[in-house]
Amino acid sequence: MTTILDPTNEREPVIRQITPRSGEITGRVALLDISKPRGNVLLDRLEALLSERLPGITVNRYAKPTFTKPAPDALRREIQGNNDFIIEGLAD
């Protein structure tokens, strides 16, 4: 078991079972910019590092129209249908 600290409430750690990993990342990775200031800077750097270190992946970029609302259903379906992993970039 691994303890994962939830950033919304670290007073009571949540115990969760980590999903087994193959040790290799291949496929399509979605980078979702939630449209907060400088989030794109973080994702630009992450995209460069991922592309450099993991030649077996394809990086797809997406952006929410605004950080104040959840991603539209159509965007979520597109990301889910066209990717194997997602990384969401939060920054200010």
Protein backbone atom coordinates (compact mmCIF):
# COMPACT_ATOMS: atom_id res chain seq x y z
CA MET A 1 0.00 0.00 0.00
CA THR A 2 1.06 3.53 -0.73
CA THR A 3 -0.05 6.69 1.06
CA ILE A 4 -1.13 9.43 -1.33
CA LEU A 5 -1.63 12.89 0.14
CA ASP A 6 -4.66 14.68 -1.26
CA PRO A 7 -3.79 18.37 -1.77
CA THR A 8 -7.33 19.37 -0.84
CA ASN A 9 -7.14 17.82 2.64
CA GLU A 10 -3.80 16.52 3.90
CA ARG A 11 -4.98 16.14 7.51
CA GLU A 12 -6.26 12.63 6.79
CA PRO A 13 -4.09 10.70 4.30
CA VAL A 14 -6.00 8.43 1.93
CA ILE A 15 -4.70 4.90 1.42
CA ARG A 16 -5.04 3.69 -2.17
CA GLN A 17 -3.70 0.76 -4.11
CA ILE A 18 -1.36 1.89 -6.89
CA THR A 19 -2.17 0.39 -10.29
CA PRO A 20 0.61 -1.94 -11.47
CA ARG A 21 2.85 -0.36 -14.11
CA SER A 22 4.67 -2.03 -16.97
CA GLY A 23 7.74 0.14 -16.55
CA GLU A 24 7.45 1.46 -20.09
CA ILE A 25 5.44 4.36 -21.46
CA THR A 26 4.35 4.18 -25.08
CA GLY A 27 1.38 5.50 -26.96
CA ARG A 28 -0.41 8.81 -27.03
CA VAL A 29 -0.12 11.33 -24.20
CA ALA A 30 -2.57 14.22 -23.89
CA LEU A 31 -1.35 17.44 -22.29
CA LEU A 32 -4.33 19.49 -21.12
CA ASP A 33 -3.82 23.20 -20.47
CA ILE A 34 -6.62 24.36 -18.17
CA SER A 35 -6.00 27.96 -19.34
CA LYS A 36 -4.53 29.36 -16.15
CA PRO A 37 -1.67 31.83 -16.56
CA ARG A 38 1.68 30.17 -17.38
CA GLY A 39 0.20 26.68 -17.55
CA ASN A 40 1.32 26.57 -21.17
CA VAL A 41 4.91 27.28 -20.07
CA LEU A 42 4.85 24.21 -17.82
CA LEU A 43 3.33 22.05 -20.55
CA ASP A 44 5.78 23.32 -23.21
CA ARG A 45 8.68 22.20 -21.03
CA LEU A 46 7.02 18.91 -20.15
CA GLU A 47 6.31 18.19 -23.82
CA ALA A 48 9.97 18.81 -24.69
CA LEU A 49 11.16 16.50 -21.90
CA LEU A 50 8.70 13.75 -22.75
CA SER A 51 9.57 13.86 -26.47
CA GLU A 52 13.28 13.80 -25.68
CA ARG A 53 13.20 10.98 -23.14
CA LEU A 54 10.36 8.81 -24.45
CA PRO A 55 10.68 8.39 -28.21
CA GLY A 56 7.82 5.84 -28.21
CA ILE A 57 5.14 8.42 -27.44
CA THR A 58 3.06 10.91 -29.37
CA VAL A 59 2.14 14.11 -27.53
CA ASN A 60 -1.23 15.76 -28.24
CA ARG A 61 -2.01 19.21 -26.84
CA TYR A 62 -5.42 20.41 -25.69
CA ALA A 63 -6.72 23.49 -23.88
CA LYS A 64 -9.87 24.21 -21.92
CA PRO A 65 -11.67 27.41 -22.95
CA THR A 66 -11.52 28.66 -19.34
CA PHE A 67 -10.18 27.44 -16.01
CA THR A 68 -13.37 28.51 -14.24
CA LYS A 69 -15.45 25.62 -15.62
CA PRO A 70 -14.96 21.91 -16.25
CA ALA A 71 -13.75 20.85 -19.68
CA PRO A 72 -16.62 20.67 -22.17
CA ASP A 73 -17.99 17.18 -22.81
CA ALA A 74 -16.82 17.20 -26.43
CA LEU A 75 -13.25 18.01 -25.38
CA ARG A 76 -13.26 15.25 -22.76
CA ARG A 77 -14.55 12.73 -25.30
CA GLU A 78 -11.89 13.80 -27.82
CA ILE A 79 -9.10 13.44 -25.26
CA GLN A 80 -10.39 10.07 -24.08
CA GLY A 81 -10.85 8.73 -27.60
CA ASN A 82 -7.46 9.84 -28.94
CA ASN A 83 -5.07 9.24 -26.04
CA ASP A 84 -3.76 6.60 -23.66
CA PHE A 85 -2.63 8.97 -20.87
CA ILE A 86 -3.43 12.51 -19.80
CA ILE A 87 -1.43 15.10 -17.90
CA GLU A 88 -3.25 18.22 -16.76
CA GLY A 89 -1.15 21.36 -16.33
CA LEU A 90 -1.97 23.68 -13.45
CA ALA A 91 0.02 26.87 -12.92
CA ASP A 92 -0.25 30.53 -11.91
